[in-house]
Amino acid sequence: MLGAVILGLLAGYLGRALTPGPGPTGCFPTLAIGLVGSLVGYFIFTEALGIGDAEILDLGGLPGAVLGTILVLVLLQAIGRGTRR
């Protein structure tokens, strides 16, 4: 559990740093986005691509978590742009 939180926080920080534009700031939003992004990366890598070990909840590692976080941030930005019109 602690490992997932640390991975989520790190993935959220790195994903936020690599994604331009507005986005959530602060420790808790970064952690939440990172955890959601980690799960997205897990499903992309283990379920869709067959990379990693689904039996022990391998999240696709940090690269998968960061890619998932970037995807979540891009989707949040697209939704945010649509509601500002």
PDB file of N, CA and C in Angstrom:
ATOM      1  N   MET A   1       0.822  -1.192   0.000  1.00  0.00           N
ATOM      2  CA  MET A   1       0.000   0.000   0.000  1.00  0.00           C
ATOM      3  C   MET A   1       0.872   1.264   0.000  1.00  0.00           C
ATOM      4  N   LEU A   2       1.864   1.294   0.872  1.00  0.00           N
ATOM      5  CA  LEU A   2       2.749   2.449   0.928  1.00  0.00           C
ATOM      6  C   LEU A   2       3.509   2.603  -0.387  1.00  0.00           C
ATOM      7  N   GLY A   3       3.880   1.485  -0.985  1.00  0.00           N
ATOM      8  CA  GLY A   3       4.579   1.544  -2.267  1.00  0.00           C
ATOM      9  C   GLY A   3       3.706   2.154  -3.353  1.00  0.00           C
ATOM     10  N   ALA A   4       2.398   1.843  -3.337  1.00  0.00           N
ATOM     11  CA  ALA A   4       1.483   2.408  -4.326  1.00  0.00           C
ATOM     12  C   ALA A   4       1.328   3.910  -4.129  1.00  0.00           C
ATOM     13  N   VAL A   5       1.303   4.358  -2.880  1.00  0.00           N
ATOM     14  CA  VAL A   5       1.188   5.785  -2.597  1.00  0.00           C
ATOM     15  C   VAL A   5       2.442   6.515  -3.059  1.00  0.00           C
ATOM     16  N   ILE A   6       3.600   5.944  -2.774  1.00  0.00           N
ATOM     17  CA  ILE A   6       4.857   6.567  -3.198  1.00  0.00           C
ATOM     18  C   ILE A   6       4.946   6.593  -4.717  1.00  0.00           C
ATOM     19  N   LEU A   7       4.576   5.479  -5.367  1.00  0.00           N
ATOM     20  CA  LEU A   7       4.584   5.430  -6.826  1.00  0.00           C
ATOM     21  C   LEU A   7       3.606   6.450  -7.391  1.00  0.00           C
ATOM     22  N   GLY A   8       2.420   6.572  -6.796  1.00  0.00           N
ATOM     23  CA  GLY A   8       1.425   7.535  -7.264  1.00  0.00           C
ATOM     24  C   GLY A   8       1.897   8.959  -7.116  1.00  0.00           C
ATOM     25  N   LEU A   9       2.534   9.269  -5.995  1.00  0.00           N
ATOM     26  CA  LEU A   9       3.035  10.618  -5.777  1.00  0.00           C
ATOM     27  C   LEU A   9       4.148  10.956  -6.759  1.00  0.00           C
ATOM     28  N   LEU A  10       5.052  10.024  -6.958  1.00  0.00           N
ATOM     29  CA  LEU A  10       6.148  10.236  -7.901  1.00  0.00           C
ATOM     30  C   LEU A  10       5.628  10.333  -9.330  1.00  0.00           C
ATOM     31  N   ALA A  11       4.702   9.451  -9.695  1.00  0.00           N
ATOM     32  CA  ALA A  11       4.131   9.498 -11.038  1.00  0.00           C
ATOM     33  C   ALA A  11       3.352  10.787 -11.251  1.00  0.00           C
ATOM     34  N   GLY A  12       2.613  11.228 -10.232  1.00  0.00           N
ATOM     35  CA  GLY A  12       1.866  12.482 -10.346  1.00  0.00           C
ATOM     36  C   GLY A  12       2.785  13.671 -10.527  1.00  0.00           C
ATOM     37  N   TYR A  13       3.863  13.693  -9.761  1.00  0.00           N
ATOM     38  CA  TYR A  13       4.830  14.794  -9.868  1.00  0.00           C
ATOM     39  C   TYR A  13       5.489  14.802 -11.250  1.00  0.00           C
ATOM     40  N   LEU A  14       5.972  13.641 -11.686  1.00  0.00           N
ATOM     41  CA  LEU A  14       6.653  13.572 -12.984  1.00  0.00           C
ATOM     42  C   LEU A  14       5.683  13.832 -14.134  1.00  0.00           C
ATOM     43  N   GLY A  15       4.492  13.263 -14.048  1.00  0.00           N
ATOM     44  CA  GLY A  15       3.495  13.484 -15.096  1.00  0.00           C
ATOM     45  C   GLY A  15       3.100  14.942 -15.190  1.00  0.00           C
ATOM     46  N   ARG A  16       2.945  15.590 -14.037  1.00  0.00           N
ATOM     47  CA  ARG A  16       2.594  17.016 -14.012  1.00  0.00           C
ATOM     48  C   ARG A  16       3.735  17.859 -14.575  1.00  0.00           C
ATOM     49  N   ALA A  17       4.974  17.480 -14.264  1.00  0.00           N
ATOM     50  CA  ALA A  17       6.132  18.220 -14.764  1.00  0.00           C
ATOM     51  C   ALA A  17       6.273  18.074 -16.280  1.00  0.00           C
ATOM     52  N   LEU A  18       5.854  16.945 -16.827  1.00  0.00           N
ATOM     53  CA  LEU A  18       6.008  16.685 -18.258  1.00  0.00           C
ATOM     54  C   LEU A  18       4.805  17.122 -19.083  1.00  0.00           C
ATOM     55  N   THR A  19       3.714  17.510 -18.430  1.00  0.00           N
ATOM     56  CA  THR A  19       2.498  17.897 -19.139  1.00  0.00           C
ATOM     57  C   THR A  19       2.336  19.409 -19.078  1.00  0.00           C
ATOM     58  N   PRO A  20       2.377  20.078 -20.231  1.00  0.00           N
ATOM     59  CA  PRO A  20       2.220  21.533 -20.213  1.00  0.00           C
ATOM     60  C   PRO A  20       0.767  21.924 -19.957  1.00  0.00           C
ATOM     61  N   GLY A  21       0.589  23.152 -19.543  1.00  0.00           N
ATOM     62  CA  GLY A  21      -0.756  23.676 -19.353  1.00  0.00           C
ATOM     63  C   GLY A  21      -1.205  23.630 -17.911  1.00  0.00           C
ATOM     64  N   PRO A  22      -2.419  24.132 -17.678  1.00  0.00           N
ATOM     65  CA  PRO A  22      -2.937  24.175 -16.307  1.00  0.00           C
ATOM     66  C   PRO A  22      -3.282  22.768 -15.823  1.00  0.00           C
ATOM     67  N   GLY A  23      -3.214  22.610 -14.552  1.00  0.00           N
ATOM     68  CA  GLY A  23      -3.548  21.319 -13.962  1.00  0.00           C
ATOM     69  C   GLY A  23      -3.586  21.437 -12.467  1.00  0.00           C
ATOM     70  N   PRO A  24      -3.949  20.365 -11.811  1.00  0.00           N
ATOM     71  CA  PRO A  24      -4.029  20.412 -10.354  1.00  0.00           C
ATOM     72  C   PRO A  24      -2.657  20.622  -9.726  1.00  0.00           C
ATOM     73  N   THR A  25      -2.625  21.402  -8.662  1.00  0.00           N
ATOM     74  CA  THR A  25      -1.380  21.619  -7.945  1.00  0.00           C
ATOM     75  C   THR A  25      -1.598  21.257  -6.480  1.00  0.00           C
ATOM     76  N   GLY A  26      -0.528  21.046  -5.780  1.00  0.00           N
ATOM     77  CA  GLY A  26      -0.619  20.669  -4.383  1.00  0.00           C
ATOM     78  C   GLY A  26      -0.346  19.183  -4.209  1.00  0.00           C
ATOM     79  N   CYS A  27      -0.104  18.804  -2.980  1.00  0.00           N
ATOM     80  CA  CYS A  27       0.284  17.431  -2.686  1.00  0.00           C
ATOM     81  C   CYS A  27      -0.857  16.436  -2.923  1.00  0.00           C
ATOM     82  N   PHE A  28      -2.043  16.731  -2.384  1.00  0.00           N
ATOM     83  CA  PHE A  28      -3.136  15.767  -2.496  1.00  0.00           C
ATOM     84  C   PHE A  28      -3.685  15.620  -3.916  1.00  0.00           C
ATOM     85  N   PRO A  29      -3.894  16.702  -4.666  1.00  0.00           N
ATOM     86  CA  PRO A  29      -4.317  16.521  -6.060  1.00  0.00           C
ATOM     87  C   PRO A  29      -3.264  15.789  -6.898  1.00  0.00           C
ATOM     88  N   THR A  30      -1.989  16.086  -6.655  1.00  0.00           N
ATOM     89  CA  THR A  30      -0.916  15.400  -7.380  1.00  0.00           C
ATOM     90  C   THR A  30      -0.928  13.907  -7.058  1.00  0.00           C
ATOM     91  N   LEU A  31      -1.106  13.584  -5.773  1.00  0.00           N
ATOM     92  CA  LEU A  31      -1.178  12.183  -5.352  1.00  0.00           C
ATOM     93  C   LEU A  31      -2.375  11.491  -5.985  1.00  0.00           C
ATOM     94  N   ALA A  32      -3.526  12.140  -5.976  1.00  0.00           N
ATOM     95  CA  ALA A  32      -4.734  11.534  -6.536  1.00  0.00           C
ATOM     96  C   ALA A  32      -4.586  11.288  -8.035  1.00  0.00           C
ATOM     97  N   ILE A  33      -4.087  12.296  -8.749  1.00  0.00           N
ATOM     98  CA  ILE A  33      -3.879  12.145 -10.197  1.00  0.00           C
ATOM     99  C   ILE A  33      -2.845  11.056 -10.461  1.00  0.00           C
ATOM    100  N   GLY A  34      -1.799  11.016  -9.659  1.00  0.00           N
ATOM    101  CA  GLY A  34      -0.768   9.994  -9.825  1.00  0.00           C
ATOM    102  C   GLY A  34      -1.297   8.590  -9.569  1.00  0.00           C
ATOM    103  N   LEU A  35      -2.146   8.421  -8.552  1.00  0.00           N
ATOM    104  CA  LEU A  35      -2.720   7.100  -8.277  1.00  0.00           C
ATOM    105  C   LEU A  35      -3.664   6.666  -9.394  1.00  0.00           C
ATOM    106  N   VAL A  36      -4.490   7.589  -9.859  1.00  0.00           N
ATOM    107  CA  VAL A  36      -5.386   7.263 -10.978  1.00  0.00           C
ATOM    108  C   VAL A  36      -4.561   6.956 -12.225  1.00  0.00           C
ATOM    109  N   GLY A  37      -3.543   7.764 -12.466  1.00  0.00           N
ATOM    110  CA  GLY A  37      -2.663   7.523 -13.615  1.00  0.00           C
ATOM    111  C   GLY A  37      -1.929   6.198 -13.505  1.00  0.00           C
ATOM    112  N   SER A  38      -1.548   5.816 -12.294  1.00  0.00           N
ATOM    113  CA  SER A  38      -0.895   4.519 -12.094  1.00  0.00           C
ATOM    114  C   SER A  38      -1.830   3.383 -12.465  1.00  0.00           C
ATOM    115  N   LEU A  39      -3.081   3.512 -12.073  1.00  0.00           N
ATOM    116  CA  LEU A  39      -4.060   2.477 -12.427  1.00  0.00           C
ATOM    117  C   LEU A  39      -4.309   2.436 -13.928  1.00  0.00           C
ATOM    118  N   VAL A  40      -4.378   3.612 -14.553  1.00  0.00           N
ATOM    119  CA  VAL A  40      -4.534   3.652 -16.011  1.00  0.00           C
ATOM    120  C   VAL A  40      -3.331   2.997 -16.682  1.00  0.00           C
ATOM    121  N   GLY A  41      -2.130   3.341 -16.213  1.00  0.00           N
ATOM    122  CA  GLY A  41      -0.922   2.712 -16.755  1.00  0.00           C
ATOM    123  C   GLY A  41      -0.913   1.210 -16.530  1.00  0.00           C
ATOM    124  N   TYR A  42      -1.400   0.771 -15.368  1.00  0.00           N
ATOM    125  CA  TYR A  42      -1.488  -0.665 -15.074  1.00  0.00           C
ATOM    126  C   TYR A  42      -2.364  -1.364 -16.099  1.00  0.00           C
ATOM    127  N   PHE A  43      -3.553  -0.819 -16.345  1.00  0.00           N
ATOM    128  CA  PHE A  43      -4.457  -1.462 -17.291  1.00  0.00           C
ATOM    129  C   PHE A  43      -3.919  -1.413 -18.716  1.00  0.00           C
ATOM    130  N   ILE A  44      -3.268  -0.323 -19.085  1.00  0.00           N
ATOM    131  CA  ILE A  44      -2.705  -0.240 -20.437  1.00  0.00           C
ATOM    132  C   ILE A  44      -1.604  -1.278 -20.613  1.00  0.00           C
ATOM    133  N   PHE A  45      -0.678  -1.338 -19.664  1.00  0.00           N
ATOM    134  CA  PHE A  45       0.467  -2.224 -19.818  1.00  0.00           C
ATOM    135  C   PHE A  45       0.125  -3.688 -19.580  1.00  0.00           C
ATOM    136  N   THR A  46      -0.603  -4.006 -18.515  1.00  0.00           N
ATOM    137  CA  THR A  46      -0.835  -5.422 -18.201  1.00  0.00           C
ATOM    138  C   THR A  46      -2.007  -6.009 -18.966  1.00  0.00           C
ATOM    139  N   GLU A  47      -3.086  -5.264 -19.086  1.00  0.00           N
ATOM    140  CA  GLU A  47      -4.272  -5.812 -19.735  1.00  0.00           C
ATOM    141  C   GLU A  47      -4.224  -5.665 -21.256  1.00  0.00           C
ATOM    142  N   ALA A  48      -3.922  -4.472 -21.738  1.00  0.00           N
ATOM    143  CA  ALA A  48      -3.956  -4.227 -23.180  1.00  0.00           C
ATOM    144  C   ALA A  48      -2.707  -4.737 -23.896  1.00  0.00           C
ATOM    145  N   LEU A  49      -1.534  -4.501 -23.301  1.00  0.00           N
ATOM    146  CA  LEU A  49      -0.286  -4.859 -23.974  1.00  0.00           C
ATOM    147  C   LEU A  49       0.332  -6.161 -23.463  1.00  0.00           C
ATOM    148  N   GLY A  50      -0.136  -6.642 -22.316  1.00  0.00           N
ATOM    149  CA  GLY A  50       0.395  -7.891 -21.768  1.00  0.00           C
ATOM    150  C   GLY A  50       1.784  -7.760 -21.161  1.00  0.00           C
ATOM    151  N   ILE A  51       2.179  -6.552 -20.769  1.00  0.00           N
ATOM    152  CA  ILE A  51       3.488  -6.325 -20.165  1.00  0.00           C
ATOM    153  C   ILE A  51       3.306  -6.256 -18.652  1.00  0.00           C
ATOM    154  N   GLY A  52       4.147  -6.917 -17.911  1.00  0.00           N
ATOM    155  CA  GLY A  52       4.057  -6.879 -16.454  1.00  0.00           C
ATOM    156  C   GLY A  52       3.344  -8.105 -15.916  1.00  0.00           C
ATOM    157  N   ASP A  53       3.170  -8.162 -14.617  1.00  0.00           N
ATOM    158  CA  ASP A  53       2.570  -9.312 -13.949  1.00  0.00           C
ATOM    159  C   ASP A  53       1.285  -8.881 -13.276  1.00  0.00           C
ATOM    160  N   ALA A  54       0.148  -9.286 -13.829  1.00  0.00           N
ATOM    161  CA  ALA A  54      -1.145  -8.898 -13.285  1.00  0.00           C
ATOM    162  C   ALA A  54      -1.456  -9.624 -11.983  1.00  0.00           C
ATOM    163  N   GLU A  55      -0.783 -10.718 -11.699  1.00  0.00           N
ATOM    164  CA  GLU A  55      -1.071 -11.487 -10.485  1.00  0.00           C
ATOM    165  C   GLU A  55      -0.635 -10.762  -9.221  1.00  0.00           C
ATOM    166  N   ILE A  56       0.433  -9.972  -9.289  1.00  0.00           N
ATOM    167  CA  ILE A  56       0.928  -9.292  -8.089  1.00  0.00           C
ATOM    168  C   ILE A  56       0.705  -7.783  -8.165  1.00  0.00           C
ATOM    169  N   LEU A  57      -0.234  -7.346  -9.000  1.00  0.00           N
ATOM    170  CA  LEU A  57      -0.567  -5.937  -9.183  1.00  0.00           C
ATOM    171  C   LEU A  57       0.649  -5.108  -9.555  1.00  0.00           C
ATOM    172  N   ASP A  58       1.353  -5.566 -10.573  1.00  0.00           N
ATOM    173  CA  ASP A  58       2.466  -4.795 -11.118  1.00  0.00           C
ATOM    174  C   ASP A  58       1.876  -3.625 -11.888  1.00  0.00           C
ATOM    175  N   LEU A  59       2.166  -2.416 -11.499  1.00  0.00           N
ATOM    176  CA  LEU A  59       1.567  -1.242 -12.121  1.00  0.00           C
ATOM    177  C   LEU A  59       2.240  -0.835 -13.424  1.00  0.00           C
ATOM    178  N   GLY A  60       3.002  -1.732 -14.014  1.00  0.00           N
ATOM    179  CA  GLY A  60       3.714  -1.373 -15.222  1.00  0.00           C
ATOM    180  C   GLY A  60       4.954  -0.563 -14.918  1.00  0.00           C
ATOM    181  N   GLY A  61       5.288  -0.476 -13.644  1.00  0.00           N
ATOM    182  CA  GLY A  61       6.468   0.275 -13.237  1.00  0.00           C
ATOM    183  C   GLY A  61       6.232   1.767 -13.311  1.00  0.00           C
ATOM    184  N   LEU A  62       7.249   2.501 -12.990  1.00  0.00           N
ATOM    185  CA  LEU A  62       7.160   3.956 -13.003  1.00  0.00           C
ATOM    186  C   LEU A  62       6.886   4.509 -14.407  1.00  0.00           C
ATOM    187  N   PRO A  63       7.499   3.973 -15.464  1.00  0.00           N
ATOM    188  CA  PRO A  63       7.180   4.514 -16.798  1.00  0.00           C
ATOM    189  C   PRO A  63       5.699   4.366 -17.154  1.00  0.00           C
ATOM    190  N   GLY A  64       5.108   3.230 -16.833  1.00  0.00           N
ATOM    191  CA  GLY A  64       3.683   3.033 -17.101  1.00  0.00           C
ATOM    192  C   GLY A  64       2.819   3.968 -16.284  1.00  0.00           C
ATOM    193  N   ALA A  65       3.210   4.173 -15.025  1.00  0.00           N
ATOM    194  CA  ALA A  65       2.454   5.071 -14.148  1.00  0.00           C
ATOM    195  C   ALA A  65       2.540   6.512 -14.641  1.00  0.00           C
ATOM    196  N   VAL A  66       3.708   6.926 -15.081  1.00  0.00           N
ATOM    197  CA  VAL A  66       3.874   8.295 -15.576  1.00  0.00           C
ATOM    198  C   VAL A  66       3.094   8.481 -16.874  1.00  0.00           C
ATOM    199  N   LEU A  67       3.156   7.516 -17.775  1.00  0.00           N
ATOM    200  CA  LEU A  67       2.391   7.621 -19.020  1.00  0.00           C
ATOM    201  C   LEU A  67       0.894   7.658 -18.742  1.00  0.00           C
ATOM    202  N   GLY A  68       0.437   6.845 -17.807  1.00  0.00           N
ATOM    203  CA  GLY A  68      -0.969   6.876 -17.420  1.00  0.00           C
ATOM    204  C   GLY A  68      -1.359   8.212 -16.818  1.00  0.00           C
ATOM    205  N   THR A  69      -0.481   8.792 -16.000  1.00  0.00           N
ATOM    206  CA  THR A  69      -0.743  10.085 -15.391  1.00  0.00           C
ATOM    207  C   THR A  69      -0.814  11.185 -16.445  1.00  0.00           C
ATOM    208  N   ILE A  70       0.080  11.148 -17.407  1.00  0.00           N
ATOM    209  CA  ILE A  70       0.051  12.135 -18.492  1.00  0.00           C
ATOM    210  C   ILE A  70      -1.258  12.018 -19.265  1.00  0.00           C
ATOM    211  N   LEU A  71      -1.701  10.793 -19.536  1.00  0.00           N
ATOM    212  CA  LEU A  71      -2.959  10.587 -20.240  1.00  0.00           C
ATOM    213  C   LEU A  71      -4.130  11.158 -19.442  1.00  0.00           C
ATOM    214  N   VAL A  72      -4.151  10.911 -18.141  1.00  0.00           N
ATOM    215  CA  VAL A  72      -5.218  11.442 -17.292  1.00  0.00           C
ATOM    216  C   VAL A  72      -5.190  12.972 -17.282  1.00  0.00           C
ATOM    217  N   LEU A  73      -4.010  13.558 -17.168  1.00  0.00           N
ATOM    218  CA  LEU A  73      -3.903  15.022 -17.160  1.00  0.00           C
ATOM    219  C   LEU A  73      -4.360  15.635 -18.480  1.00  0.00           C
ATOM    220  N   VAL A  74      -4.005  15.013 -19.594  1.00  0.00           N
ATOM    221  CA  VAL A  74      -4.438  15.522 -20.901  1.00  0.00           C
ATOM    222  C   VAL A  74      -5.957  15.435 -21.020  1.00  0.00           C
ATOM    223  N   LEU A  75      -6.542  14.337 -20.552  1.00  0.00           N
ATOM    224  CA  LEU A  75      -7.998  14.209 -20.587  1.00  0.00           C
ATOM    225  C   LEU A  75      -8.674  15.242 -19.683  1.00  0.00           C
ATOM    226  N   LEU A  76      -8.121  15.478 -18.501  1.00  0.00           N
ATOM    227  CA  LEU A  76      -8.681  16.497 -17.605  1.00  0.00           C
ATOM    228  C   LEU A  76      -8.601  17.892 -18.218  1.00  0.00           C
ATOM    229  N   GLN A  77      -7.496  18.180 -18.897  1.00  0.00           N
ATOM    230  CA  GLN A  77      -7.361  19.480 -19.555  1.00  0.00           C
ATOM    231  C   GLN A  77      -8.363  19.626 -20.689  1.00  0.00           C
ATOM    232  N   ALA A  78      -8.590  18.548 -21.446  1.00  0.00           N
ATOM    233  CA  ALA A  78      -9.563  18.596 -22.542  1.00  0.00           C
ATOM    234  C   ALA A  78     -10.976  18.792 -22.007  1.00  0.00           C
ATOM    235  N   ILE A  79     -11.300  18.139 -20.904  1.00  0.00           N
ATOM    236  CA  ILE A  79     -12.618  18.313 -20.295  1.00  0.00           C
ATOM    237  C   ILE A  79     -12.758  19.739 -19.765  1.00  0.00           C
ATOM    238  N   GLY A  80     -11.693  20.255 -19.157  1.00  0.00           N
ATOM    239  CA  GLY A  80     -11.714  21.622 -18.632  1.00  0.00           C
ATOM    240  C   GLY A  80     -11.903  22.657 -19.708  1.00  0.00           C
ATOM    241  N   ARG A  81     -11.297  22.436 -20.854  1.00  0.00           N
ATOM    242  CA  ARG A  81     -11.464  23.373 -21.970  1.00  0.00           C
ATOM    243  C   ARG A  81     -12.883  23.355 -22.491  1.00  0.00           C
ATOM    244  N   GLY A  82     -13.502  22.183 -22.481  1.00  0.00           N
ATOM    245  CA  GLY A  82     -14.871  22.069 -22.981  1.00  0.00           C
ATOM    246  C   GLY A  82     -15.893  22.731 -22.084  1.00  0.00           C
ATOM    247  N   THR A  83     -15.623  22.819 -20.787  1.00  0.00           N
ATOM    248  CA  THR A  83     -16.592  23.417 -19.864  1.00  0.00           C
ATOM    249  C   THR A  83     -16.435  24.921 -19.747  1.00  0.00           C
ATOM    250  N   ARG A  84     -15.349  25.481 -20.248  1.00  0.00           N
ATOM    251  CA  ARG A  84     -15.136  26.938 -20.145  1.00  0.00           C
ATOM    252  C   ARG A  84     -15.789  27.718 -21.262  1.00  0.00           C
ATOM    253  N   ARG A  85     -16.352  27.065 -22.230  1.00  0.00           N
ATOM    254  CA  ARG A  85     -16.933  27.775 -23.388  1.00  0.00           C
ATOM    255  C   ARG A  85     -18.204  28.455 -23.042  1.00  0.00           C
TER     256      ARG A  85
END
